[in-house]
Amino acid sequence: MATVAEWIEGARPRTLPNAVAPVLAGCGAAAQLGAFSWWRSLLALLVALGLIVGVNFANDYSDGVRGTDAERVGPLRLVGSGAASPKAVLAAALASFAAAALFGLVLVLVTGQWWLIAAGAACLAGAWFYTGGSRPYGYAGFGEVAVFVFFGLASVLGTVYVQAGGVSWEALGAAVAVGSLSMAVLVANNLRDIPTDRVAGKITLAVRLGDAGTRRLYLILVTAPFVVTVTLGLAHPVTLIGLLAGALLITPVRTITRGRNGLDLIPVLRDTGFAMLAWAVLTGAALAVAGSPL
């Protein structure tokens, strides 16, 4: 039976910035529109956290029963290591998805926007079929695109929409920036796993691009948010403070450009996630200030 510490590790806490950052950026964009609501923001955060923990457990379950995690370089996987039964991990995934659905339904009820149920169902389906089902799209090279859509566009714009009833171009820019960094986290993860994924038949985008191409993609993705920052700065100079988040990317960029592999890439995931969180905090706060009356 897995210990509490192993269950926490199985939930992959290093990925939590992928859920928190888009909500923080969305809160700033909502505040810039004069529509910030702390309790709607909290509900949006709980939805995002439920989804990411759910997809992490679902990924652990699906990869574990397929044998993809039999030989791993990265952190513990509950099913693959034998620490927990597939049934228990599947139950954890379903419980997390149920929690996300419940909090999402509350948001639907308070906003009266019933079409959000369809959007939520799409998010849940995207989370499950990433590695679940007979033809998981994560095994066909579309996982990175899904992360950009669900933990970038959907999370940021959804957070803004449930508060403001609409979105702004600033919110769209923030969504692209956060989505790019979130995608960069997965790209770094899949770069590390190219050798084992290739053997297991998991054809991720990293496997398709190869080592050199994946490293170039990572560099493009971590540059994109700062292009957005400069664009936002043309209208709201205070948002240029988001450039400070770039300092957290110096070490991971060096690791990527120096061709490091295996365990050396694990800190890249952590540091990219922290950079995403810092960008969201700085830019979100700056947008809120930009929307404040003088």
C-alpha atoms as a PDB file:
ATOM      1  CA  MET A   1       0.000   0.000   0.000  1.00  0.00           C
ATOM      2  CA  ALA A   2       1.340   3.422  -0.957  1.00  0.00           C
ATOM      3  CA  THR A   3       2.276   5.818   1.840  1.00  0.00           C
ATOM      4  CA  VAL A   4       0.844   9.314   2.143  1.00  0.00           C
ATOM      5  CA  ALA A   5       4.146  10.714   0.855  1.00  0.00           C
ATOM      6  CA  GLU A   6       3.963   8.437  -2.193  1.00  0.00           C
ATOM      7  CA  TRP A   7       0.387   9.498  -2.929  1.00  0.00           C
ATOM      8  CA  ILE A   8       1.455  13.145  -2.730  1.00  0.00           C
ATOM      9  CA  GLU A   9       4.349  12.454  -5.079  1.00  0.00           C
ATOM     10  CA  GLY A  10       1.982  10.548  -7.364  1.00  0.00           C
ATOM     11  CA  ALA A  11      -0.216  13.660  -7.598  1.00  0.00           C
ATOM     12  CA  ARG A  12       2.876  15.378  -9.099  1.00  0.00           C
ATOM     13  CA  PRO A  13       2.976  18.589  -7.038  1.00  0.00           C
ATOM     14  CA  ARG A  14       5.572  20.042  -9.424  1.00  0.00           C
ATOM     15  CA  THR A  15       2.782  20.412 -11.984  1.00  0.00           C
ATOM     16  CA  LEU A  16       0.505  22.469  -9.712  1.00  0.00           C
ATOM     17  CA  PRO A  17       1.816  25.808 -11.082  1.00  0.00           C
ATOM     18  CA  ASN A  18       0.194  24.734 -14.374  1.00  0.00           C
ATOM     19  CA  ALA A  19      -3.160  24.994 -12.595  1.00  0.00           C
ATOM     20  CA  VAL A  20      -2.479  27.990 -10.338  1.00  0.00           C
ATOM     21  CA  ALA A  21      -0.750  30.290 -12.850  1.00  0.00           C
ATOM     22  CA  PRO A  22      -3.600  30.553 -15.379  1.00  0.00           C
ATOM     23  CA  VAL A  23      -6.104  31.394 -12.638  1.00  0.00           C
ATOM     24  CA  LEU A  24      -3.824  34.093 -11.217  1.00  0.00           C
ATOM     25  CA  ALA A  25      -3.317  35.610 -14.656  1.00  0.00           C
ATOM     26  CA  GLY A  26      -7.061  35.429 -15.268  1.00  0.00           C
ATOM     27  CA  CYS A  27      -7.760  37.164 -11.954  1.00  0.00           C
ATOM     28  CA  GLY A  28      -5.512  40.036 -12.985  1.00  0.00           C
ATOM     29  CA  ALA A  29      -7.216  40.323 -16.354  1.00  0.00           C
ATOM     30  CA  ALA A  30     -10.633  40.280 -14.645  1.00  0.00           C
ATOM     31  CA  ALA A  31      -9.499  42.979 -12.214  1.00  0.00           C
ATOM     32  CA  GLN A  32      -8.294  45.058 -15.152  1.00  0.00           C
ATOM     33  CA  LEU A  33     -11.887  44.902 -16.416  1.00  0.00           C
ATOM     34  CA  GLY A  34     -13.159  45.916 -12.975  1.00  0.00           C
ATOM     35  CA  ALA A  35     -14.840  42.548 -12.437  1.00  0.00           C
ATOM     36  CA  PHE A  36     -12.675  40.686  -9.904  1.00  0.00           C
ATOM     37  CA  SER A  37     -14.563  38.325  -7.575  1.00  0.00           C
ATOM     38  CA  TRP A  38     -12.501  36.461  -4.968  1.00  0.00           C
ATOM     39  CA  TRP A  39     -14.965  33.594  -4.504  1.00  0.00           C
ATOM     40  CA  ARG A  40     -15.439  33.004  -8.235  1.00  0.00           C
ATOM     41  CA  SER A  41     -11.667  33.055  -8.576  1.00  0.00           C
ATOM     42  CA  LEU A  42     -11.403  30.484  -5.777  1.00  0.00           C
ATOM     43  CA  LEU A  43     -13.922  28.224  -7.501  1.00  0.00           C
ATOM     44  CA  ALA A  44     -11.995  28.542 -10.773  1.00  0.00           C
ATOM     45  CA  LEU A  45      -8.795  27.604  -8.919  1.00  0.00           C
ATOM     46  CA  LEU A  46     -10.436  24.531  -7.369  1.00  0.00           C
ATOM     47  CA  VAL A  47     -11.644  23.437 -10.808  1.00  0.00           C
ATOM     48  CA  ALA A  48      -8.131  23.795 -12.239  1.00  0.00           C
ATOM     49  CA  LEU A  49      -6.525  21.952  -9.320  1.00  0.00           C
ATOM     50  CA  GLY A  50      -9.060  19.123  -9.561  1.00  0.00           C
ATOM     51  CA  LEU A  51      -8.375  18.765 -13.266  1.00  0.00           C
ATOM     52  CA  ILE A  52      -4.596  18.707 -13.011  1.00  0.00           C
ATOM     53  CA  VAL A  53      -4.479  16.281 -10.088  1.00  0.00           C
ATOM     54  CA  GLY A  54      -7.044  14.145 -11.888  1.00  0.00           C
ATOM     55  CA  VAL A  55      -5.095  14.077 -15.131  1.00  0.00           C
ATOM     56  CA  ASN A  56      -1.909  13.233 -13.232  1.00  0.00           C
ATOM     57  CA  PHE A  57      -3.509  10.235 -11.526  1.00  0.00           C
ATOM     58  CA  ALA A  58      -5.261   9.229 -14.762  1.00  0.00           C
ATOM     59  CA  ASN A  59      -1.929   9.409 -16.593  1.00  0.00           C
ATOM     60  CA  ASP A  60      -0.309   7.299 -13.853  1.00  0.00           C
ATOM     61  CA  TYR A  61      -3.101   4.726 -14.144  1.00  0.00           C
ATOM     62  CA  SER A  62      -3.231   4.529 -17.942  1.00  0.00           C
ATOM     63  CA  ASP A  63       0.540   4.494 -18.472  1.00  0.00           C
ATOM     64  CA  GLY A  64       0.927   2.017 -15.624  1.00  0.00           C
ATOM     65  CA  VAL A  65      -1.522  -0.562 -16.963  1.00  0.00           C
ATOM     66  CA  ARG A  66       0.015  -0.218 -20.438  1.00  0.00           C
ATOM     67  CA  GLY A  67       3.497  -0.787 -19.081  1.00  0.00           C
ATOM     68  CA  THR A  68       4.766   2.580 -20.322  1.00  0.00           C
ATOM     69  CA  ASP A  69       6.114   3.411 -16.852  1.00  0.00           C
ATOM     70  CA  ALA A  70       7.920   0.100 -16.353  1.00  0.00           C
ATOM     71  CA  GLU A  71      11.280   1.820 -16.913  1.00  0.00           C
ATOM     72  CA  ARG A  72      11.311   5.442 -15.738  1.00  0.00           C
ATOM     73  CA  VAL A  73      13.905   8.156 -15.340  1.00  0.00           C
ATOM     74  CA  GLY A  74      11.616  10.622 -13.601  1.00  0.00           C
ATOM     75  CA  PRO A  75       9.765  10.706 -10.267  1.00  0.00           C
ATOM     76  CA  LEU A  76       7.717   7.862  -8.778  1.00  0.00           C
ATOM     77  CA  ARG A  77       4.686   6.514 -10.606  1.00  0.00           C
ATOM     78  CA  LEU A  78       2.269   4.696  -8.338  1.00  0.00           C
ATOM     79  CA  VAL A  79       1.044   1.972 -10.688  1.00  0.00           C
ATOM     80  CA  GLY A  80       4.278   1.509 -12.619  1.00  0.00           C
ATOM     81  CA  SER A  81       6.283   1.083  -9.410  1.00  0.00           C
ATOM     82  CA  GLY A  82       3.713  -1.197  -7.799  1.00  0.00           C
ATOM     83  CA  ALA A  83       3.273   1.199  -4.869  1.00  0.00           C
ATOM     84  CA  ALA A  84      -0.503   1.358  -5.436  1.00  0.00           C
ATOM     85  CA  SER A  85      -3.004  -0.770  -7.289  1.00  0.00           C
ATOM     86  CA  PRO A  86      -4.407   0.414 -10.629  1.00  0.00           C
ATOM     87  CA  LYS A  87      -7.889   0.410  -9.069  1.00  0.00           C
ATOM     88  CA  ALA A  88      -6.853   2.766  -6.275  1.00  0.00           C
ATOM     89  CA  VAL A  89      -5.130   5.196  -8.628  1.00  0.00           C
ATOM     90  CA  LEU A  90      -8.109   5.166 -11.002  1.00  0.00           C
ATOM     91  CA  ALA A  91     -10.393   5.927  -8.044  1.00  0.00           C
ATOM     92  CA  ALA A  92      -8.166   8.883  -7.087  1.00  0.00           C
ATOM     93  CA  ALA A  93      -8.334  10.201 -10.645  1.00  0.00           C
ATOM     94  CA  LEU A  94     -12.128   9.899 -10.801  1.00  0.00           C
ATOM     95  CA  ALA A  95     -12.522  11.554  -7.394  1.00  0.00           C
ATOM     96  CA  SER A  96     -10.391  14.498  -8.535  1.00  0.00           C
ATOM     97  CA  PHE A  97     -12.391  14.844 -11.747  1.00  0.00           C
ATOM     98  CA  ALA A  98     -15.633  14.682  -9.762  1.00  0.00           C
ATOM     99  CA  ALA A  99     -14.433  17.483  -7.486  1.00  0.00           C
ATOM    100  CA  ALA A 100     -13.507  19.623 -10.504  1.00  0.00           C
ATOM    101  CA  ALA A 101     -16.929  18.948 -12.040  1.00  0.00           C
ATOM    102  CA  LEU A 102     -18.718  19.867  -8.810  1.00  0.00           C
ATOM    103  CA  PHE A 103     -16.923  23.204  -8.417  1.00  0.00           C
ATOM    104  CA  GLY A 104     -17.430  23.881 -12.115  1.00  0.00           C
ATOM    105  CA  LEU A 105     -21.151  23.229 -11.782  1.00  0.00           C
ATOM    106  CA  VAL A 106     -21.341  25.797  -8.982  1.00  0.00           C
ATOM    107  CA  LEU A 107     -19.759  28.341 -11.325  1.00  0.00           C
ATOM    108  CA  VAL A 108     -22.293  27.470 -14.001  1.00  0.00           C
ATOM    109  CA  LEU A 109     -25.164  27.973 -11.552  1.00  0.00           C
ATOM    110  CA  VAL A 110     -23.940  31.360 -10.306  1.00  0.00           C
ATOM    111  CA  THR A 111     -23.156  32.688 -13.780  1.00  0.00           C
ATOM    112  CA  GLY A 112     -26.220  31.232 -15.483  1.00  0.00           C
ATOM    113  CA  GLN A 113     -24.022  30.360 -18.475  1.00  0.00           C
ATOM    114  CA  TRP A 114     -25.197  26.802 -19.149  1.00  0.00           C
ATOM    115  CA  TRP A 115     -22.959  26.376 -22.187  1.00  0.00           C
ATOM    116  CA  LEU A 116     -20.055  26.208 -19.743  1.00  0.00           C
ATOM    117  CA  ILE A 117     -21.177  22.651 -18.943  1.00  0.00           C
ATOM    118  CA  ALA A 118     -20.141  21.644 -22.460  1.00  0.00           C
ATOM    119  CA  ALA A 119     -16.795  23.426 -22.013  1.00  0.00           C
ATOM    120  CA  GLY A 120     -16.252  21.626 -18.720  1.00  0.00           C
ATOM    121  CA  ALA A 121     -17.134  18.275 -20.273  1.00  0.00           C
ATOM    122  CA  ALA A 122     -14.571  18.937 -23.013  1.00  0.00           C
ATOM    123  CA  CYS A 123     -11.922  19.646 -20.362  1.00  0.00           C
ATOM    124  CA  LEU A 124     -12.740  16.412 -18.525  1.00  0.00           C
ATOM    125  CA  ALA A 125     -12.672  14.424 -21.767  1.00  0.00           C
ATOM    126  CA  GLY A 126      -9.358  16.027 -22.698  1.00  0.00           C
ATOM    127  CA  ALA A 127      -7.924  15.112 -19.305  1.00  0.00           C
ATOM    128  CA  TRP A 128      -8.986  11.460 -19.535  1.00  0.00           C
ATOM    129  CA  PHE A 129      -8.173  10.746 -23.171  1.00  0.00           C
ATOM    130  CA  TYR A 130      -4.678  12.255 -22.874  1.00  0.00           C
ATOM    131  CA  THR A 131      -3.420   8.788 -21.984  1.00  0.00           C
ATOM    132  CA  GLY A 132      -6.740   6.942 -21.462  1.00  0.00           C
ATOM    133  CA  GLY A 133      -8.928   5.041 -23.880  1.00  0.00           C
ATOM    134  CA  SER A 134      -7.921   2.859 -26.793  1.00  0.00           C
ATOM    135  CA  ARG A 135      -6.374   5.718 -28.803  1.00  0.00           C
ATOM    136  CA  PRO A 136      -4.915   8.263 -26.368  1.00  0.00           C
ATOM    137  CA  TYR A 137      -3.962  11.483 -28.115  1.00  0.00           C
ATOM    138  CA  GLY A 138      -0.944  11.902 -25.819  1.00  0.00           C
ATOM    139  CA  TYR A 139       0.551   8.867 -27.552  1.00  0.00           C
ATOM    140  CA  ALA A 140       0.072  10.520 -30.942  1.00  0.00           C
ATOM    141  CA  GLY A 141       1.914  13.797 -30.294  1.00  0.00           C
ATOM    142  CA  PHE A 142      -1.023  16.041 -29.360  1.00  0.00           C
ATOM    143  CA  GLY A 143      -0.482  16.286 -25.612  1.00  0.00           C
ATOM    144  CA  GLU A 144       1.400  19.574 -25.803  1.00  0.00           C
ATOM    145  CA  VAL A 145      -1.341  21.191 -27.876  1.00  0.00           C
ATOM    146  CA  ALA A 146      -3.948  20.036 -25.351  1.00  0.00           C
ATOM    147  CA  VAL A 147      -1.962  21.553 -22.476  1.00  0.00           C
ATOM    148  CA  PHE A 148      -1.821  24.872 -24.334  1.00  0.00           C
ATOM    149  CA  VAL A 149      -5.584  24.778 -24.911  1.00  0.00           C
ATOM    150  CA  PHE A 150      -6.763  23.533 -21.513  1.00  0.00           C
ATOM    151  CA  PHE A 151      -4.184  25.019 -19.123  1.00  0.00           C
ATOM    152  CA  GLY A 152      -3.629  28.151 -21.174  1.00  0.00           C
ATOM    153  CA  LEU A 153      -6.564  29.368 -23.218  1.00  0.00           C
ATOM    154  CA  ALA A 154      -9.407  27.640 -21.366  1.00  0.00           C
ATOM    155  CA  SER A 155      -8.105  28.242 -17.833  1.00  0.00           C
ATOM    156  CA  VAL A 156      -7.162  31.899 -18.234  1.00  0.00           C
ATOM    157  CA  LEU A 157     -10.092  32.945 -20.398  1.00  0.00           C
ATOM    158  CA  GLY A 158     -12.515  30.834 -18.355  1.00  0.00           C
ATOM    159  CA  THR A 159     -11.360  32.527 -15.138  1.00  0.00           C
ATOM    160  CA  VAL A 160     -11.922  35.926 -16.723  1.00  0.00           C
ATOM    161  CA  TYR A 161     -15.259  35.002 -18.271  1.00  0.00           C
ATOM    162  CA  VAL A 162     -16.921  33.685 -15.100  1.00  0.00           C
ATOM    163  CA  GLN A 163     -16.136  37.025 -13.455  1.00  0.00           C
ATOM    164  CA  ALA A 164     -16.472  39.597 -16.236  1.00  0.00           C
ATOM    165  CA  GLY A 165     -18.929  37.879 -18.578  1.00  0.00           C
ATOM    166  CA  GLY A 166     -16.466  38.460 -21.414  1.00  0.00           C
ATOM    167  CA  VAL A 167     -12.769  38.607 -22.205  1.00  0.00           C
ATOM    168  CA  SER A 168     -10.277  41.249 -23.346  1.00  0.00           C
ATOM    169  CA  TRP A 169      -7.284  41.239 -25.653  1.00  0.00           C
ATOM    170  CA  GLU A 170      -5.101  41.495 -22.565  1.00  0.00           C
ATOM    171  CA  ALA A 171      -6.695  38.299 -21.242  1.00  0.00           C
ATOM    172  CA  LEU A 172      -6.048  36.569 -24.565  1.00  0.00           C
ATOM    173  CA  GLY A 173      -2.402  37.632 -24.437  1.00  0.00           C
ATOM    174  CA  ALA A 174      -2.075  36.299 -20.897  1.00  0.00           C
ATOM    175  CA  ALA A 175      -3.682  33.026 -21.990  1.00  0.00           C
ATOM    176  CA  VAL A 176      -1.168  32.600 -24.815  1.00  0.00           C
ATOM    177  CA  ALA A 177       1.737  33.383 -22.493  1.00  0.00           C
ATOM    178  CA  VAL A 178       0.687  31.003 -19.729  1.00  0.00           C
ATOM    179  CA  GLY A 179      -0.244  28.321 -22.263  1.00  0.00           C
ATOM    180  CA  SER A 180       3.204  28.569 -23.834  1.00  0.00           C
ATOM    181  CA  LEU A 181       4.963  28.143 -20.493  1.00  0.00           C
ATOM    182  CA  SER A 182       2.649  25.306 -19.495  1.00  0.00           C
ATOM    183  CA  MET A 183       3.408  23.625 -22.790  1.00  0.00           C
ATOM    184  CA  ALA A 184       7.135  24.169 -22.168  1.00  0.00           C
ATOM    185  CA  VAL A 185       6.857  22.216 -18.894  1.00  0.00           C
ATOM    186  CA  LEU A 186       5.429  19.211 -20.746  1.00  0.00           C
ATOM    187  CA  VAL A 187       7.966  19.568 -23.551  1.00  0.00           C
ATOM    188  CA  ALA A 188      10.801  19.392 -21.003  1.00  0.00           C
ATOM    189  CA  ASN A 189       9.180  16.356 -19.404  1.00  0.00           C
ATOM    190  CA  ASN A 190       8.810  14.588 -22.747  1.00  0.00           C
ATOM    191  CA  LEU A 191      12.349  15.538 -23.777  1.00  0.00           C
ATOM    192  CA  ARG A 192      13.594  13.631 -20.732  1.00  0.00           C
ATOM    193  CA  ASP A 193      11.424  10.635 -21.637  1.00  0.00           C
ATOM    194  CA  ILE A 194      12.250  10.372 -25.363  1.00  0.00           C
ATOM    195  CA  PRO A 195      14.297   7.144 -25.023  1.00  0.00           C
ATOM    196  CA  THR A 196      11.751   5.277 -22.869  1.00  0.00           C
ATOM    197  CA  ASP A 197       8.688   6.647 -24.703  1.00  0.00           C
ATOM    198  CA  ARG A 198      10.116   5.564 -28.054  1.00  0.00           C
ATOM    199  CA  VAL A 199      10.609   2.024 -26.775  1.00  0.00           C
ATOM    200  CA  ALA A 200       7.113   1.956 -25.229  1.00  0.00           C
ATOM    201  CA  GLY A 201       5.495   3.181 -28.458  1.00  0.00           C
ATOM    202  CA  LYS A 202       4.428   6.501 -26.918  1.00  0.00           C
ATOM    203  CA  ILE A 203       4.924   8.844 -29.862  1.00  0.00           C
ATOM    204  CA  THR A 204       4.920  12.216 -28.142  1.00  0.00           C
ATOM    205  CA  LEU A 205       5.698  15.445 -29.958  1.00  0.00           C
ATOM    206  CA  ALA A 206       9.219  15.191 -28.493  1.00  0.00           C
ATOM    207  CA  VAL A 207       9.660  11.734 -30.035  1.00  0.00           C
ATOM    208  CA  ARG A 208       8.456  13.105 -33.386  1.00  0.00           C
ATOM    209  CA  LEU A 209      10.741  16.158 -33.279  1.00  0.00           C
ATOM    210  CA  GLY A 210      13.756  14.361 -31.864  1.00  0.00           C
ATOM    211  CA  ASP A 211      16.146  15.675 -29.243  1.00  0.00           C
ATOM    212  CA  ALA A 212      17.419  18.745 -31.107  1.00  0.00           C
ATOM    213  CA  GLY A 213      14.011  19.788 -32.405  1.00  0.00           C
ATOM    214  CA  THR A 214      12.426  19.449 -28.953  1.00  0.00           C
ATOM    215  CA  ARG A 215      15.106  21.664 -27.422  1.00  0.00           C
ATOM    216  CA  ARG A 216      14.430  24.327 -30.063  1.00  0.00           C
ATOM    217  CA  LEU A 217      10.698  24.117 -29.361  1.00  0.00           C
ATOM    218  CA  TYR A 218      11.309  24.623 -25.644  1.00  0.00           C
ATOM    219  CA  LEU A 219      13.321  27.780 -26.328  1.00  0.00           C
ATOM    220  CA  ILE A 220      10.569  29.158 -28.586  1.00  0.00           C
ATOM    221  CA  LEU A 221       7.899  28.462 -25.968  1.00  0.00           C
ATOM    222  CA  VAL A 222       9.743  30.158 -23.094  1.00  0.00           C
ATOM    223  CA  THR A 223      10.388  33.198 -25.306  1.00  0.00           C
ATOM    224  CA  ALA A 224       6.722  33.658 -26.278  1.00  0.00           C
ATOM    225  CA  PRO A 225       5.512  35.046 -22.895  1.00  0.00           C
ATOM    226  CA  PHE A 226       8.022  37.857 -23.028  1.00  0.00           C
ATOM    227  CA  VAL A 227       6.899  38.819 -26.513  1.00  0.00           C
ATOM    228  CA  VAL A 228       3.418  39.046 -24.980  1.00  0.00           C
ATOM    229  CA  THR A 229       4.831  41.126 -22.107  1.00  0.00           C
ATOM    230  CA  VAL A 230       6.367  43.651 -24.473  1.00  0.00           C
ATOM    231  CA  THR A 231       3.086  43.827 -26.430  1.00  0.00           C
ATOM    232  CA  LEU A 232       1.093  44.391 -23.245  1.00  0.00           C
ATOM    233  CA  GLY A 233       3.645  46.989 -22.185  1.00  0.00           C
ATOM    234  CA  LEU A 234       2.858  49.133 -25.219  1.00  0.00           C
ATOM    235  CA  ALA A 235      -0.624  49.733 -23.779  1.00  0.00           C
ATOM    236  CA  HIS A 236       0.116  49.241 -20.083  1.00  0.00           C
ATOM    237  CA  PRO A 237       3.772  50.019 -19.252  1.00  0.00           C
ATOM    238  CA  VAL A 238       3.381  48.618 -15.736  1.00  0.00           C
ATOM    239  CA  THR A 239       3.020  45.102 -17.183  1.00  0.00           C
ATOM    240  CA  LEU A 240       6.670  45.197 -18.271  1.00  0.00           C
ATOM    241  CA  ILE A 241       7.405  44.019 -14.734  1.00  0.00           C
ATOM    242  CA  GLY A 242       6.571  40.555 -16.101  1.00  0.00           C
ATOM    243  CA  LEU A 243       9.999  40.544 -17.753  1.00  0.00           C
ATOM    244  CA  LEU A 244      11.494  39.884 -14.314  1.00  0.00           C
ATOM    245  CA  ALA A 245      10.182  36.321 -14.498  1.00  0.00           C
ATOM    246  CA  GLY A 246      12.799  35.681 -17.168  1.00  0.00           C
ATOM    247  CA  ALA A 247      15.485  35.479 -14.470  1.00  0.00           C
ATOM    248  CA  LEU A 248      14.002  32.154 -13.342  1.00  0.00           C
ATOM    249  CA  LEU A 249      14.515  30.707 -16.818  1.00  0.00           C
ATOM    250  CA  ILE A 250      18.270  31.329 -17.032  1.00  0.00           C
ATOM    251  CA  THR A 251      19.234  28.006 -15.430  1.00  0.00           C
ATOM    252  CA  PRO A 252      16.707  25.805 -17.278  1.00  0.00           C
ATOM    253  CA  VAL A 253      17.604  27.416 -20.612  1.00  0.00           C
ATOM    254  CA  ARG A 254      21.278  26.688 -19.955  1.00  0.00           C
ATOM    255  CA  THR A 255      20.412  23.083 -19.120  1.00  0.00           C
ATOM    256  CA  ILE A 256      18.451  22.712 -22.345  1.00  0.00           C
ATOM    257  CA  THR A 257      21.034  24.396 -24.571  1.00  0.00           C
ATOM    258  CA  ARG A 258      23.907  22.395 -23.062  1.00  0.00           C
ATOM    259  CA  GLY A 259      22.286  19.139 -24.089  1.00  0.00           C
ATOM    260  CA  ARG A 260      21.678  17.723 -20.629  1.00  0.00           C
ATOM    261  CA  ASN A 261      19.534  14.578 -20.407  1.00  0.00           C
ATOM    262  CA  GLY A 262      17.842  12.224 -17.956  1.00  0.00           C
ATOM    263  CA  LEU A 263      17.711  13.281 -14.306  1.00  0.00           C
ATOM    264  CA  ASP A 264      19.397  16.604 -15.158  1.00  0.00           C
ATOM    265  CA  LEU A 265      16.165  17.672 -16.860  1.00  0.00           C
ATOM    266  CA  ILE A 266      13.945  17.216 -13.807  1.00  0.00           C
ATOM    267  CA  PRO A 267      14.850  20.662 -12.347  1.00  0.00           C
ATOM    268  CA  VAL A 268      13.922  22.193 -15.720  1.00  0.00           C
ATOM    269  CA  LEU A 269      10.287  21.201 -15.141  1.00  0.00           C
ATOM    270  CA  ARG A 270      10.309  22.753 -11.665  1.00  0.00           C
ATOM    271  CA  ASP A 271      12.048  25.975 -12.693  1.00  0.00           C
ATOM    272  CA  THR A 272       9.858  26.454 -15.781  1.00  0.00           C
ATOM    273  CA  GLY A 273       6.799  26.018 -13.576  1.00  0.00           C
ATOM    274  CA  PHE A 274       8.101  28.604 -11.109  1.00  0.00           C
ATOM    275  CA  ALA A 275       8.803  31.019 -13.980  1.00  0.00           C
ATOM    276  CA  MET A 276       5.232  30.541 -15.198  1.00  0.00           C
ATOM    277  CA  LEU A 277       3.904  31.221 -11.708  1.00  0.00           C
ATOM    278  CA  ALA A 278       6.084  34.323 -11.342  1.00  0.00           C
ATOM    279  CA  TRP A 279       4.996  35.632 -14.745  1.00  0.00           C
ATOM    280  CA  ALA A 280       1.343  35.138 -13.826  1.00  0.00           C
ATOM    281  CA  VAL A 281       1.710  36.839 -10.437  1.00  0.00           C
ATOM    282  CA  LEU A 282       3.644  39.814 -11.791  1.00  0.00           C
ATOM    283  CA  THR A 283       1.536  40.291 -14.912  1.00  0.00           C
ATOM    284  CA  GLY A 284      -1.749  39.635 -13.136  1.00  0.00           C
ATOM    285  CA  ALA A 285      -0.931  42.214 -10.472  1.00  0.00           C
ATOM    286  CA  ALA A 286       0.205  44.681 -13.121  1.00  0.00           C
ATOM    287  CA  LEU A 287      -3.036  44.271 -15.086  1.00  0.00           C
ATOM    288  CA  ALA A 288      -5.020  44.847 -11.913  1.00  0.00           C
ATOM    289  CA  VAL A 289      -3.066  48.041 -11.288  1.00  0.00           C
ATOM    290  CA  ALA A 290      -3.546  49.117 -14.905  1.00  0.00           C
ATOM    291  CA  GLY A 291      -7.307  48.806 -14.485  1.00  0.00           C
ATOM    292  CA  SER A 292      -7.450  50.655 -11.174  1.00  0.00           C
ATOM    293  CA  PRO A 293      -8.885  54.197 -11.189  1.00  0.00           C
ATOM    294  CA  LEU A 294      -6.273  56.874 -10.641  1.00  0.00           C
END
